[in-house]
Amino acid sequence: MPQSSFDTLRALAIGTQALGLTLIITLETVLGDGARPWQGVVLAAMVACALAIALVRMYRNKRRQKQLAEHLEASASKNTKR
């Protein structure tokens, strides 16, 4: 499989973390000390997004490894039949 030069998952991870940090700073600026609970919610959402992205990346890598193994197995069996 050709490797794409643009990694969508990496861009999504960077984007969600940047958005979360921006929200945390904005909440502190707007609400002051009242922002603490909301900042916790934003942080929890950031962690949840990071974990979801990591799981998707792991799933894709495992699937890619499985496809490569199947391809190599098919090539090997084709070569031994000759």
C-alpha atoms as a PDB file:
ATOM      1  CA  MET A   1       0.000   0.000   0.000  1.00  0.00           C
ATOM      2  CA  PRO A   2       1.387   3.427  -0.838  1.00  0.00           C
ATOM      3  CA  GLN A   3       2.021   5.644   2.165  1.00  0.00           C
ATOM      4  CA  SER A   4       0.060   8.871   2.049  1.00  0.00           C
ATOM      5  CA  SER A   5       2.083  12.021   2.643  1.00  0.00           C
ATOM      6  CA  PHE A   6      -0.828  13.528   4.610  1.00  0.00           C
ATOM      7  CA  ASP A   7      -1.641  11.710   7.842  1.00  0.00           C
ATOM      8  CA  THR A   8      -5.287  12.455   8.606  1.00  0.00           C
ATOM      9  CA  LEU A   9      -5.160  10.949  12.085  1.00  0.00           C
ATOM     10  CA  ARG A  10      -2.116  13.010  13.037  1.00  0.00           C
ATOM     11  CA  ALA A  11      -3.793  16.177  11.773  1.00  0.00           C
ATOM     12  CA  LEU A  12      -6.941  15.301  13.725  1.00  0.00           C
ATOM     13  CA  ALA A  13      -4.907  14.675  16.891  1.00  0.00           C
ATOM     14  CA  ILE A  14      -3.040  17.960  16.562  1.00  0.00           C
ATOM     15  CA  GLY A  15      -6.254  19.833  15.781  1.00  0.00           C
ATOM     16  CA  THR A  16      -8.177  18.458  18.763  1.00  0.00           C
ATOM     17  CA  GLN A  17      -5.300  19.175  21.141  1.00  0.00           C
ATOM     18  CA  ALA A  18      -4.913  22.721  19.811  1.00  0.00           C
ATOM     19  CA  LEU A  19      -8.661  23.310  20.096  1.00  0.00           C
ATOM     20  CA  GLY A  20      -8.681  21.955  23.649  1.00  0.00           C
ATOM     21  CA  LEU A  21      -5.789  24.141  24.733  1.00  0.00           C
ATOM     22  CA  THR A  22      -7.448  27.168  23.150  1.00  0.00           C
ATOM     23  CA  LEU A  23     -10.689  26.391  24.976  1.00  0.00           C
ATOM     24  CA  ILE A  24      -8.892  25.969  28.304  1.00  0.00           C
ATOM     25  CA  ILE A  25      -7.132  29.318  27.927  1.00  0.00           C
ATOM     26  CA  THR A  26     -10.318  31.028  26.753  1.00  0.00           C
ATOM     27  CA  LEU A  27     -12.310  29.634  29.677  1.00  0.00           C
ATOM     28  CA  GLU A  28      -9.676  30.897  32.126  1.00  0.00           C
ATOM     29  CA  THR A  29      -9.755  34.335  30.499  1.00  0.00           C
ATOM     30  CA  VAL A  30     -13.528  34.632  30.401  1.00  0.00           C
ATOM     31  CA  LEU A  31     -14.613  32.877  33.599  1.00  0.00           C
ATOM     32  CA  GLY A  32     -11.582  33.251  35.856  1.00  0.00           C
ATOM     33  CA  ASP A  33     -11.682  30.827  38.794  1.00  0.00           C
ATOM     34  CA  GLY A  34     -15.125  29.612  37.744  1.00  0.00           C
ATOM     35  CA  ALA A  35     -13.544  27.951  34.738  1.00  0.00           C
ATOM     36  CA  ARG A  36     -11.951  25.088  36.697  1.00  0.00           C
ATOM     37  CA  PRO A  37     -14.771  22.521  36.295  1.00  0.00           C
ATOM     38  CA  TRP A  38     -15.173  23.354  32.608  1.00  0.00           C
ATOM     39  CA  GLN A  39     -11.443  23.100  32.056  1.00  0.00           C
ATOM     40  CA  GLY A  40     -11.614  19.614  33.566  1.00  0.00           C
ATOM     41  CA  VAL A  41     -14.358  18.678  31.130  1.00  0.00           C
ATOM     42  CA  VAL A  42     -12.306  19.991  28.207  1.00  0.00           C
ATOM     43  CA  LEU A  43      -9.241  18.096  29.423  1.00  0.00           C
ATOM     44  CA  ALA A  44     -11.266  14.881  29.750  1.00  0.00           C
ATOM     45  CA  ALA A  45     -12.578  15.363  26.196  1.00  0.00           C
ATOM     46  CA  MET A  46      -9.022  15.931  24.938  1.00  0.00           C
ATOM     47  CA  VAL A  47      -7.848  12.699  26.569  1.00  0.00           C
ATOM     48  CA  ALA A  48     -10.842  10.796  25.192  1.00  0.00           C
ATOM     49  CA  CYS A  49     -10.125  12.073  21.672  1.00  0.00           C
ATOM     50  CA  ALA A  50      -6.457  11.145  21.978  1.00  0.00           C
ATOM     51  CA  LEU A  51      -7.346   7.621  23.117  1.00  0.00           C
ATOM     52  CA  ALA A  52      -9.890   7.184  20.323  1.00  0.00           C
ATOM     53  CA  ILE A  53      -7.368   8.333  17.718  1.00  0.00           C
ATOM     54  CA  ALA A  54      -4.738   5.975  19.173  1.00  0.00           C
ATOM     55  CA  LEU A  55      -7.197   3.058  18.969  1.00  0.00           C
ATOM     56  CA  VAL A  56      -8.046   3.861  15.355  1.00  0.00           C
ATOM     57  CA  ARG A  57      -4.341   4.079  14.500  1.00  0.00           C
ATOM     58  CA  MET A  58      -3.680   0.735  16.208  1.00  0.00           C
ATOM     59  CA  TYR A  59      -6.601  -0.886  14.362  1.00  0.00           C
ATOM     60  CA  ARG A  60      -5.380   0.435  11.007  1.00  0.00           C
ATOM     61  CA  ASN A  61      -1.829  -0.765  11.650  1.00  0.00           C
ATOM     62  CA  LYS A  62      -3.023  -4.259  12.642  1.00  0.00           C
ATOM     63  CA  ARG A  63      -5.266  -4.428   9.587  1.00  0.00           C
ATOM     64  CA  ARG A  64      -2.381  -3.327   7.348  1.00  0.00           C
ATOM     65  CA  GLN A  65      -0.091  -5.967   8.890  1.00  0.00           C
ATOM     66  CA  LYS A  66      -2.744  -8.643   8.350  1.00  0.00           C
ATOM     67  CA  GLN A  67      -3.212  -7.649   4.705  1.00  0.00           C
ATOM     68  CA  LEU A  68       0.552  -7.684   4.149  1.00  0.00           C
ATOM     69  CA  ALA A  69       0.850 -11.135   5.746  1.00  0.00           C
ATOM     70  CA  GLU A  70      -1.986 -12.454   3.562  1.00  0.00           C
ATOM     71  CA  HIS A  71      -0.355 -10.968   0.478  1.00  0.00           C
ATOM     72  CA  LEU A  72       3.007 -12.519   1.344  1.00  0.00           C
ATOM     73  CA  GLU A  73       1.352 -15.871   2.050  1.00  0.00           C
ATOM     74  CA  ALA A  74      -0.472 -15.781  -1.286  1.00  0.00           C
ATOM     75  CA  SER A  75       2.776 -14.887  -3.073  1.00  0.00           C
ATOM     76  CA  ALA A  76       4.646 -17.697  -1.348  1.00  0.00           C
ATOM     77  CA  SER A  77       1.988 -20.285  -2.182  1.00  0.00           C
ATOM     78  CA  LYS A  78       1.875 -19.070  -5.793  1.00  0.00           C
ATOM     79  CA  ASN A  79       5.666 -19.425  -6.090  1.00  0.00           C
ATOM     80  CA  THR A  80       5.714 -22.951  -4.605  1.00  0.00           C
ATOM     81  CA  LYS A  81       3.044 -24.174  -7.070  1.00  0.00           C
ATOM     82  CA  ARG A  82       5.301 -23.393 -10.005  1.00  0.00           C
END
